[in-house]
Amino acid sequence: MAKEAVFTMKLEPELRDAFMAEAEAVDRPASQIVRELMRDYVEKRRHDRGYRDFVARKVEIARRSMDAERGRSGEDVERSFAERAAVWSRRISENDE
């Protein structure tokens, strides 16, 4: 990728000095590390945004389902889970004997 843009930023001298020392310690140009950090940040933000969009879609689907009276109450779900857990618990106990 062509490197034609210039990015100028202000930061504390101590942070700059520490960063430059760490870059030198791993024998890498500071600009390369900054590009890597920026790419990682952009990727993480895109991933986070995608996850938020995914959750928003799931919530909207669930709301439409409840509005259409196709959903189940929390109590009903808990009851079904307890029944299934009891069945599996009995099966496990029977297999242990």
Protein backbone atom coordinates (compact mmCIF):
# COMPACT_ATOMS: atom_id res chain seq x y z
CA MET A 1 0.00 0.00 0.00
CA ALA A 2 1.40 3.40 -0.97
CA LYS A 3 2.38 5.57 1.96
CA GLU A 4 1.57 9.10 0.80
CA ALA A 5 -0.42 10.61 3.67
CA VAL A 6 1.23 12.40 6.56
CA PHE A 7 -0.24 12.20 10.06
CA THR A 8 0.92 14.73 12.65
CA MET A 9 -0.01 14.46 16.30
CA LYS A 10 0.85 16.00 19.62
CA LEU A 11 1.81 13.88 22.59
CA GLU A 12 3.77 14.08 25.79
CA PRO A 13 7.55 14.04 25.33
CA GLU A 14 7.85 11.19 27.85
CA LEU A 15 5.41 9.04 25.88
CA ARG A 16 7.23 9.79 22.63
CA ASP A 17 10.61 8.94 24.16
CA ALA A 18 9.33 5.70 25.70
CA PHE A 19 7.65 4.70 22.41
CA MET A 20 10.77 5.43 20.38
CA ALA A 21 12.90 3.43 22.83
CA GLU A 22 10.57 0.44 22.59
CA ALA A 23 10.51 0.64 18.79
CA GLU A 24 14.29 0.73 18.74
CA ALA A 25 14.46 -2.21 21.16
CA VAL A 26 12.59 -4.40 18.68
CA ASP A 27 14.45 -2.89 15.71
CA ARG A 28 11.31 -1.64 14.00
CA PRO A 29 10.57 1.82 12.63
CA ALA A 30 8.16 3.77 14.81
CA SER A 31 6.02 4.56 11.75
CA GLN A 32 5.55 0.84 11.06
CA ILE A 33 4.38 0.24 14.64
CA VAL A 34 2.00 3.22 14.49
CA ARG A 35 0.51 1.93 11.22
CA GLU A 36 0.04 -1.49 12.81
CA LEU A 37 -1.64 0.06 15.86
CA MET A 38 -3.91 2.13 13.64
CA ARG A 39 -4.90 -0.88 11.53
CA ASP A 40 -5.63 -2.91 14.66
CA TYR A 41 -7.74 -0.08 16.07
CA VAL A 42 -9.73 0.32 12.84
CA GLU A 43 -10.29 -3.45 12.63
CA LYS A 44 -11.45 -3.63 16.25
CA ARG A 45 -13.86 -0.71 15.80
CA ARG A 46 -15.33 -2.30 12.66
CA HIS A 47 -15.71 -5.60 14.48
CA ASP A 48 -17.36 -3.90 17.47
CA ARG A 49 -19.72 -2.00 15.17
CA GLY A 50 -20.58 -5.22 13.33
CA TYR A 51 -21.33 -6.96 16.62
CA ARG A 52 -23.57 -4.10 17.77
CA ASP A 53 -25.43 -4.29 14.45
CA PHE A 54 -25.78 -8.08 14.86
CA VAL A 55 -27.23 -7.67 18.37
CA ALA A 56 -29.58 -4.91 17.19
CA ARG A 57 -30.89 -7.20 14.41
CA LYS A 58 -31.39 -10.07 16.89
CA VAL A 59 -33.27 -7.78 19.28
CA GLU A 60 -35.48 -6.49 16.46
CA ILE A 61 -36.28 -10.06 15.35
CA ALA A 62 -37.12 -11.02 18.94
CA ARG A 63 -39.36 -7.96 19.36
CA ARG A 64 -41.24 -8.76 16.16
CA SER A 65 -41.61 -12.35 17.32
CA MET A 66 -43.04 -11.23 20.66
CA ASP A 67 -45.36 -8.72 18.93
CA ALA A 68 -46.65 -11.55 16.73
CA GLU A 69 -47.16 -13.63 19.90
CA ARG A 70 -44.66 -16.24 18.72
CA GLY A 71 -42.35 -15.70 21.66
CA ARG A 72 -42.17 -17.34 25.06
CA SER A 73 -42.03 -15.73 28.45
CA GLY A 74 -38.88 -15.90 30.52
CA GLU A 75 -40.70 -18.05 33.05
CA ASP A 76 -41.71 -20.51 30.33
CA VAL A 77 -38.14 -20.75 29.07
CA GLU A 78 -36.82 -21.27 32.62
CA ARG A 79 -39.43 -23.99 33.26
CA SER A 80 -38.51 -25.81 30.03
CA PHE A 81 -34.83 -25.60 30.88
CA ALA A 82 -35.41 -26.96 34.39
CA GLU A 83 -37.39 -29.88 32.95
CA ARG A 84 -34.65 -30.70 30.44
CA ALA A 85 -31.95 -30.37 33.10
CA ALA A 86 -33.85 -32.79 35.34
CA VAL A 87 -34.15 -35.33 32.51
CA TRP A 88 -30.43 -35.14 31.75
CA SER A 89 -29.54 -35.30 35.42
CA ARG A 90 -31.57 -38.52 35.76
CA ARG A 91 -29.92 -40.00 32.66
CA ILE A 92 -26.46 -39.20 33.98
CA SER A 93 -27.33 -40.72 37.37
CA GLU A 94 -28.67 -43.87 35.71
CA ASN A 95 -25.48 -44.25 33.64
CA ASP A 96 -23.30 -43.85 36.74
CA GLU A 97 -25.01 -46.76 38.48
